[in-house]
Amino acid sequence: MIDIERINYLAKKSREQGLTPAETAEQAKLRRAYIDAYKRNLTAQLDNTYIVDEAGNKRKLEKKNVDEQAKK
């Protein structure tokens, strides 16, 4: 599990005193692990999301085509 308390401690220490190179590397590693876990959880939640239309039909939430959206 990701240690949120350690992430917060390093952020506070960074603002107050600065971090050693080892602490900076640890902070980056912890932040990356937190972001990756957040993305996995969000993806799992969206994979289990269904839309119900006015007729009562359930359909799975579809992924948007990012390339198509960027061209508009």
PDB file of N, CA and C in Angstrom:
ATOM      1  N   MET A   1       0.843  -1.183   0.000  1.00  0.00           N
ATOM      2  CA  MET A   1       0.000   0.000   0.000  1.00  0.00           C
ATOM      3  C   MET A   1       0.887   1.244   0.000  1.00  0.00           C
ATOM      4  N   ILE A   2       0.379   2.273  -0.582  1.00  0.00           N
ATOM      5  CA  ILE A   2       1.135   3.514  -0.690  1.00  0.00           C
ATOM      6  C   ILE A   2       1.062   4.261   0.640  1.00  0.00           C
ATOM      7  N   ASP A   3       2.196   4.739   1.092  1.00  0.00           N
ATOM      8  CA  ASP A   3       2.300   5.408   2.382  1.00  0.00           C
ATOM      9  C   ASP A   3       2.025   6.903   2.209  1.00  0.00           C
ATOM     10  N   ILE A   4       0.761   7.288   2.341  1.00  0.00           N
ATOM     11  CA  ILE A   4       0.351   8.682   2.174  1.00  0.00           C
ATOM     12  C   ILE A   4       1.022   9.570   3.221  1.00  0.00           C
ATOM     13  N   GLU A   5       1.156   9.060   4.430  1.00  0.00           N
ATOM     14  CA  GLU A   5       1.784   9.856   5.485  1.00  0.00           C
ATOM     15  C   GLU A   5       3.222  10.203   5.120  1.00  0.00           C
ATOM     16  N   ARG A   6       3.929   9.257   4.522  1.00  0.00           N
ATOM     17  CA  ARG A   6       5.320   9.511   4.119  1.00  0.00           C
ATOM     18  C   ARG A   6       5.369  10.540   2.984  1.00  0.00           C
ATOM     19  N   ILE A   7       4.444  10.430   2.033  1.00  0.00           N
ATOM     20  CA  ILE A   7       4.376  11.414   0.944  1.00  0.00           C
ATOM     21  C   ILE A   7       4.147  12.802   1.526  1.00  0.00           C
ATOM     22  N   ASN A   8       3.209  12.915   2.451  1.00  0.00           N
ATOM     23  CA  ASN A   8       2.907  14.209   3.066  1.00  0.00           C
ATOM     24  C   ASN A   8       4.084  14.732   3.885  1.00  0.00           C
ATOM     25  N   TYR A   9       4.754  13.837   4.602  1.00  0.00           N
ATOM     26  CA  TYR A   9       5.917  14.240   5.390  1.00  0.00           C
ATOM     27  C   TYR A   9       7.008  14.813   4.485  1.00  0.00           C
ATOM     28  N   LEU A  10       7.291  14.113   3.390  1.00  0.00           N
ATOM     29  CA  LEU A  10       8.337  14.583   2.476  1.00  0.00           C
ATOM     30  C   LEU A  10       7.950  15.903   1.819  1.00  0.00           C
ATOM     31  N   ALA A  11       6.677  16.085   1.514  1.00  0.00           N
ATOM     32  CA  ALA A  11       6.222  17.350   0.926  1.00  0.00           C
ATOM     33  C   ALA A  11       6.408  18.496   1.919  1.00  0.00           C
ATOM     34  N   LYS A  12       6.046  18.253   3.171  1.00  0.00           N
ATOM     35  CA  LYS A  12       6.194  19.289   4.197  1.00  0.00           C
ATOM     36  C   LYS A  12       7.667  19.614   4.427  1.00  0.00           C
ATOM     37  N   LYS A  13       8.488  18.577   4.515  1.00  0.00           N
ATOM     38  CA  LYS A  13       9.918  18.785   4.734  1.00  0.00           C
ATOM     39  C   LYS A  13      10.535  19.531   3.557  1.00  0.00           C
ATOM     40  N   SER A  14      10.078  19.224   2.351  1.00  0.00           N
ATOM     41  CA  SER A  14      10.581  19.886   1.154  1.00  0.00           C
ATOM     42  C   SER A  14      10.314  21.387   1.214  1.00  0.00           C
ATOM     43  N   ARG A  15       9.126  21.756   1.669  1.00  0.00           N
ATOM     44  CA  ARG A  15       8.777  23.174   1.776  1.00  0.00           C
ATOM     45  C   ARG A  15       9.565  23.869   2.882  1.00  0.00           C
ATOM     46  N   GLU A  16       9.786  23.171   3.992  1.00  0.00           N
ATOM     47  CA  GLU A  16      10.396  23.797   5.158  1.00  0.00           C
ATOM     48  C   GLU A  16      11.916  23.809   5.127  1.00  0.00           C
ATOM     49  N   GLN A  17      12.551  22.683   4.745  1.00  0.00           N
ATOM     50  CA  GLN A  17      14.001  22.562   4.859  1.00  0.00           C
ATOM     51  C   GLN A  17      14.679  22.189   3.564  1.00  0.00           C
ATOM     52  N   GLY A  18      13.968  21.514   2.703  1.00  0.00           N
ATOM     53  CA  GLY A  18      14.592  20.939   1.519  1.00  0.00           C
ATOM     54  C   GLY A  18      14.845  19.458   1.750  1.00  0.00           C
ATOM     55  N   LEU A  19      15.065  18.743   0.662  1.00  0.00           N
ATOM     56  CA  LEU A  19      15.256  17.299   0.743  1.00  0.00           C
ATOM     57  C   LEU A  19      16.644  16.911   0.270  1.00  0.00           C
ATOM     58  N   THR A  20      17.126  15.797   0.795  1.00  0.00           N
ATOM     59  CA  THR A  20      18.382  15.232   0.301  1.00  0.00           C
ATOM     60  C   THR A  20      18.088  14.568  -1.044  1.00  0.00           C
ATOM     61  N   PRO A  21      19.113  14.283  -1.828  1.00  0.00           N
ATOM     62  CA  PRO A  21      18.874  13.591  -3.105  1.00  0.00           C
ATOM     63  C   PRO A  21      18.160  12.245  -2.928  1.00  0.00           C
ATOM     64  N   ALA A  22      18.476  11.526  -1.860  1.00  0.00           N
ATOM     65  CA  ALA A  22      17.815  10.241  -1.606  1.00  0.00           C
ATOM     66  C   ALA A  22      16.331  10.451  -1.301  1.00  0.00           C
ATOM     67  N   GLU A  23      16.028  11.476  -0.527  1.00  0.00           N
ATOM     68  CA  GLU A  23      14.631  11.767  -0.198  1.00  0.00           C
ATOM     69  C   GLU A  23      13.862  12.246  -1.427  1.00  0.00           C
ATOM     70  N   THR A  24      14.520  13.011  -2.285  1.00  0.00           N
ATOM     71  CA  THR A  24      13.882  13.471  -3.519  1.00  0.00           C
ATOM     72  C   THR A  24      13.527  12.284  -4.406  1.00  0.00           C
ATOM     73  N   ALA A  25      14.441  11.324  -4.499  1.00  0.00           N
ATOM     74  CA  ALA A  25      14.178  10.120  -5.295  1.00  0.00           C
ATOM     75  C   ALA A  25      13.042   9.308  -4.677  1.00  0.00           C
ATOM     76  N   GLU A  26      13.048   9.188  -3.355  1.00  0.00           N
ATOM     77  CA  GLU A  26      11.980   8.452  -2.670  1.00  0.00           C
ATOM     78  C   GLU A  26      10.630   9.132  -2.892  1.00  0.00           C
ATOM     79  N   GLN A  27      10.627  10.463  -2.813  1.00  0.00           N
ATOM     80  CA  GLN A  27       9.397  11.222  -3.014  1.00  0.00           C
ATOM     81  C   GLN A  27       8.841  10.993  -4.423  1.00  0.00           C
ATOM     82  N   ALA A  28       9.713  11.030  -5.415  1.00  0.00           N
ATOM     83  CA  ALA A  28       9.284  10.809  -6.797  1.00  0.00           C
ATOM     84  C   ALA A  28       8.719   9.399  -6.969  1.00  0.00           C
ATOM     85  N   LYS A  29       9.378   8.419  -6.360  1.00  0.00           N
ATOM     86  CA  LYS A  29       8.927   7.023  -6.454  1.00  0.00           C
ATOM     87  C   LYS A  29       7.562   6.854  -5.792  1.00  0.00           C
ATOM     88  N   LEU A  30       7.384   7.436  -4.605  1.00  0.00           N
ATOM     89  CA  LEU A  30       6.114   7.334  -3.894  1.00  0.00           C
ATOM     90  C   LEU A  30       4.987   8.038  -4.648  1.00  0.00           C
ATOM     91  N   ARG A  31       5.289   9.214  -5.191  1.00  0.00           N
ATOM     92  CA  ARG A  31       4.277   9.947  -5.953  1.00  0.00           C
ATOM     93  C   ARG A  31       3.850   9.161  -7.188  1.00  0.00           C
ATOM     94  N   ARG A  32       4.817   8.576  -7.896  1.00  0.00           N
ATOM     95  CA  ARG A  32       4.503   7.795  -9.099  1.00  0.00           C
ATOM     96  C   ARG A  32       3.640   6.594  -8.736  1.00  0.00           C
ATOM     97  N   ALA A  33       3.969   5.914  -7.632  1.00  0.00           N
ATOM     98  CA  ALA A  33       3.181   4.759  -7.192  1.00  0.00           C
ATOM     99  C   ALA A  33       1.755   5.187  -6.845  1.00  0.00           C
ATOM    100  N   TYR A  34       1.612   6.341  -6.192  1.00  0.00           N
ATOM    101  CA  TYR A  34       0.290   6.853  -5.826  1.00  0.00           C
ATOM    102  C   TYR A  34      -0.532   7.172  -7.075  1.00  0.00           C
ATOM    103  N   ILE A  35       0.075   7.848  -8.033  1.00  0.00           N
ATOM    104  CA  ILE A  35      -0.625   8.215  -9.269  1.00  0.00           C
ATOM    105  C   ILE A  35      -1.032   6.969 -10.045  1.00  0.00           C
ATOM    106  N   ASP A  36      -0.137   5.991 -10.139  1.00  0.00           N
ATOM    107  CA  ASP A  36      -0.453   4.752 -10.855  1.00  0.00           C
ATOM    108  C   ASP A  36      -1.616   4.010 -10.191  1.00  0.00           C
ATOM    109  N   ALA A  37      -1.621   3.955  -8.863  1.00  0.00           N
ATOM    110  CA  ALA A  37      -2.705   3.289  -8.140  1.00  0.00           C
ATOM    111  C   ALA A  37      -4.022   4.036  -8.346  1.00  0.00           C
ATOM    112  N   TYR A  38      -3.966   5.354  -8.332  1.00  0.00           N
ATOM    113  CA  TYR A  38      -5.161   6.177  -8.550  1.00  0.00           C
ATOM    114  C   TYR A  38      -5.745   5.909  -9.937  1.00  0.00           C
ATOM    115  N   LYS A  39      -4.879   5.858 -10.943  1.00  0.00           N
ATOM    116  CA  LYS A  39      -5.338   5.598 -12.315  1.00  0.00           C
ATOM    117  C   LYS A  39      -5.950   4.206 -12.439  1.00  0.00           C
ATOM    118  N   ARG A  40      -5.321   3.203 -11.808  1.00  0.00           N
ATOM    119  CA  ARG A  40      -5.864   1.844 -11.854  1.00  0.00           C
ATOM    120  C   ARG A  40      -7.253   1.790 -11.218  1.00  0.00           C
ATOM    121  N   ASN A  41      -7.403   2.447 -10.071  1.00  0.00           N
ATOM    122  CA  ASN A  41      -8.693   2.453  -9.382  1.00  0.00           C
ATOM    123  C   ASN A  41      -9.761   3.167 -10.211  1.00  0.00           C
ATOM    124  N   LEU A  42      -9.410   4.289 -10.814  1.00  0.00           N
ATOM    125  CA  LEU A  42     -10.361   5.030 -11.634  1.00  0.00           C
ATOM    126  C   LEU A  42     -10.759   4.219 -12.862  1.00  0.00           C
ATOM    127  N   THR A  43      -9.789   3.574 -13.499  1.00  0.00           N
ATOM    128  CA  THR A  43     -10.073   2.740 -14.664  1.00  0.00           C
ATOM    129  C   THR A  43     -11.007   1.596 -14.287  1.00  0.00           C
ATOM    130  N   ALA A  44     -10.762   0.955 -13.164  1.00  0.00           N
ATOM    131  CA  ALA A  44     -11.625  -0.139 -12.709  1.00  0.00           C
ATOM    132  C   ALA A  44     -13.038   0.362 -12.447  1.00  0.00           C
ATOM    133  N   GLN A  45     -13.156   1.535 -11.861  1.00  0.00           N
ATOM    134  CA  GLN A  45     -14.475   2.099 -11.581  1.00  0.00           C
ATOM    135  C   GLN A  45     -15.211   2.408 -12.882  1.00  0.00           C
ATOM    136  N   LEU A  46     -14.517   2.994 -13.848  1.00  0.00           N
ATOM    137  CA  LEU A  46     -15.152   3.320 -15.124  1.00  0.00           C
ATOM    138  C   LEU A  46     -15.491   2.067 -15.920  1.00  0.00           C
ATOM    139  N   ASP A  47     -14.692   1.017 -15.782  1.00  0.00           N
ATOM    140  CA  ASP A  47     -14.978  -0.246 -16.465  1.00  0.00           C
ATOM    141  C   ASP A  47     -16.261  -0.890 -15.943  1.00  0.00           C
ATOM    142  N   ASN A  48     -16.654  -0.545 -14.740  1.00  0.00           N
ATOM    143  CA  ASN A  48     -17.872  -1.100 -14.146  1.00  0.00           C
ATOM    144  C   ASN A  48     -19.013  -0.090 -14.114  1.00  0.00           C
ATOM    145  N   THR A  49     -18.941   0.930 -14.960  1.00  0.00           N
ATOM    146  CA  THR A  49     -19.973   1.956 -15.027  1.00  0.00           C
ATOM    147  C   THR A  49     -20.871   1.698 -16.230  1.00  0.00           C
ATOM    148  N   TYR A  50     -22.167   1.767 -16.009  1.00  0.00           N
ATOM    149  CA  TYR A  50     -23.143   1.560 -17.080  1.00  0.00           C
ATOM    150  C   TYR A  50     -24.029   2.791 -17.205  1.00  0.00           C
ATOM    151  N   ILE A  51     -24.469   3.056 -18.424  1.00  0.00           N
ATOM    152  CA  ILE A  51     -25.375   4.156 -18.707  1.00  0.00           C
ATOM    153  C   ILE A  51     -26.761   3.555 -18.947  1.00  0.00           C
ATOM    154  N   VAL A  52     -27.780   4.142 -18.334  1.00  0.00           N
ATOM    155  CA  VAL A  52     -29.152   3.699 -18.549  1.00  0.00           C
ATOM    156  C   VAL A  52     -29.855   4.789 -19.343  1.00  0.00           C
ATOM    157  N   ASP A  53     -30.360   4.432 -20.540  1.00  0.00           N
ATOM    158  CA  ASP A  53     -31.040   5.433 -21.363  1.00  0.00           C
ATOM    159  C   ASP A  53     -32.499   5.577 -20.930  1.00  0.00           C
ATOM    160  N   GLU A  54     -33.231   6.440 -21.640  1.00  0.00           N
ATOM    161  CA  GLU A  54     -34.613   6.733 -21.260  1.00  0.00           C
ATOM    162  C   GLU A  54     -35.520   5.512 -21.353  1.00  0.00           C
ATOM    163  N   ALA A  55     -35.171   4.566 -22.226  1.00  0.00           N
ATOM    164  CA  ALA A  55     -35.980   3.357 -22.387  1.00  0.00           C
ATOM    165  C   ALA A  55     -35.636   2.295 -21.343  1.00  0.00           C
ATOM    166  N   GLY A  56     -34.647   2.562 -20.513  1.00  0.00           N
ATOM    167  CA  GLY A  56     -34.259   1.619 -19.475  1.00  0.00           C
ATOM    168  C   GLY A  56     -33.197   0.626 -19.912  1.00  0.00           C
ATOM    169  N   ASN A  57     -32.620   0.844 -21.088  1.00  0.00           N
ATOM    170  CA  ASN A  57     -31.569  -0.049 -21.579  1.00  0.00           C
ATOM    171  C   ASN A  57     -30.238   0.301 -20.931  1.00  0.00           C
ATOM    172  N   LYS A  58     -29.569  -0.732 -20.438  1.00  0.00           N
ATOM    173  CA  LYS A  58     -28.245  -0.539 -19.836  1.00  0.00           C
ATOM    174  C   LYS A  58     -27.183  -0.806 -20.885  1.00  0.00           C
ATOM    175  N   ARG A  59     -26.191   0.083 -20.957  1.00  0.00           N
ATOM    176  CA  ARG A  59     -25.060  -0.176 -21.841  1.00  0.00           C
ATOM    177  C   ARG A  59     -23.789   0.257 -21.131  1.00  0.00           C
ATOM    178  N   LYS A  60     -22.732  -0.425 -21.475  1.00  0.00           N
ATOM    179  CA  LYS A  60     -21.435  -0.160 -20.854  1.00  0.00           C
ATOM    180  C   LYS A  60     -20.912   1.200 -21.316  1.00  0.00           C
ATOM    181  N   LEU A  61     -20.243   1.893 -20.444  1.00  0.00           N
ATOM    182  CA  LEU A  61     -19.620   3.165 -20.779  1.00  0.00           C
ATOM    183  C   LEU A  61     -18.507   2.910 -21.781  1.00  0.00           C
ATOM    184  N   GLU A  62     -18.496   3.674 -22.872  1.00  0.00           N
ATOM    185  CA  GLU A  62     -17.503   3.470 -23.923  1.00  0.00           C
ATOM    186  C   GLU A  62     -16.362   4.463 -23.784  1.00  0.00           C
ATOM    187  N   LYS A  63     -15.177   4.024 -24.201  1.00  0.00           N
ATOM    188  CA  LYS A  63     -14.025   4.916 -24.194  1.00  0.00           C
ATOM    189  C   LYS A  63     -14.137   5.880 -25.358  1.00  0.00           C
ATOM    190  N   LYS A  64     -13.727   7.130 -25.130  1.00  0.00           N
ATOM    191  CA  LYS A  64     -13.714   8.114 -26.202  1.00  0.00           C
ATOM    192  C   LYS A  64     -12.440   7.956 -26.998  1.00  0.00           C
ATOM    193  N   ASN A  65     -12.522   8.252 -28.280  1.00  0.00           N
ATOM    194  CA  ASN A  65     -11.342   8.233 -29.129  1.00  0.00           C
ATOM    195  C   ASN A  65     -10.630   9.571 -28.946  1.00  0.00           C
ATOM    196  N   VAL A  66      -9.523   9.568 -28.256  1.00  0.00           N
ATOM    197  CA  VAL A  66      -8.805  10.792 -27.909  1.00  0.00           C
ATOM    198  C   VAL A  66      -8.297  11.500 -29.158  1.00  0.00           C
ATOM    199  N   ASP A  67      -7.824  10.758 -30.158  1.00  0.00           N
ATOM    200  CA  ASP A  67      -7.303  11.363 -31.378  1.00  0.00           C
ATOM    201  C   ASP A  67      -8.388  12.137 -32.111  1.00  0.00           C
ATOM    202  N   GLU A  68      -9.593  11.603 -32.159  1.00  0.00           N
ATOM    203  CA  GLU A  68     -10.703  12.265 -32.826  1.00  0.00           C
ATOM    204  C   GLU A  68     -11.054  13.562 -32.111  1.00  0.00           C
ATOM    205  N   GLN A  69     -11.051  13.551 -30.788  1.00  0.00           N
ATOM    206  CA  GLN A  69     -11.389  14.729 -30.003  1.00  0.00           C
ATOM    207  C   GLN A  69     -10.354  15.833 -30.194  1.00  0.00           C
ATOM    208  N   ALA A  70      -9.101  15.470 -30.342  1.00  0.00           N
ATOM    209  CA  ALA A  70      -8.025  16.451 -30.476  1.00  0.00           C
ATOM    210  C   ALA A  70      -8.089  17.168 -31.815  1.00  0.00           C
ATOM    211  N   LYS A  71      -8.603  16.516 -32.852  1.00  0.00           N
ATOM    212  CA  LYS A  71      -8.661  17.105 -34.185  1.00  0.00           C
ATOM    213  C   LYS A  71      -9.737  18.168 -34.307  1.00  0.00           C
ATOM    214  N   LYS A  72     -10.745  18.133 -33.460  1.00  0.00           N
ATOM    215  CA  LYS A  72     -11.868  19.079 -33.560  1.00  0.00           C
ATOM    216  C   LYS A  72     -11.509  20.447 -33.092  1.00  0.00           C
TER     217      LYS A  72
END
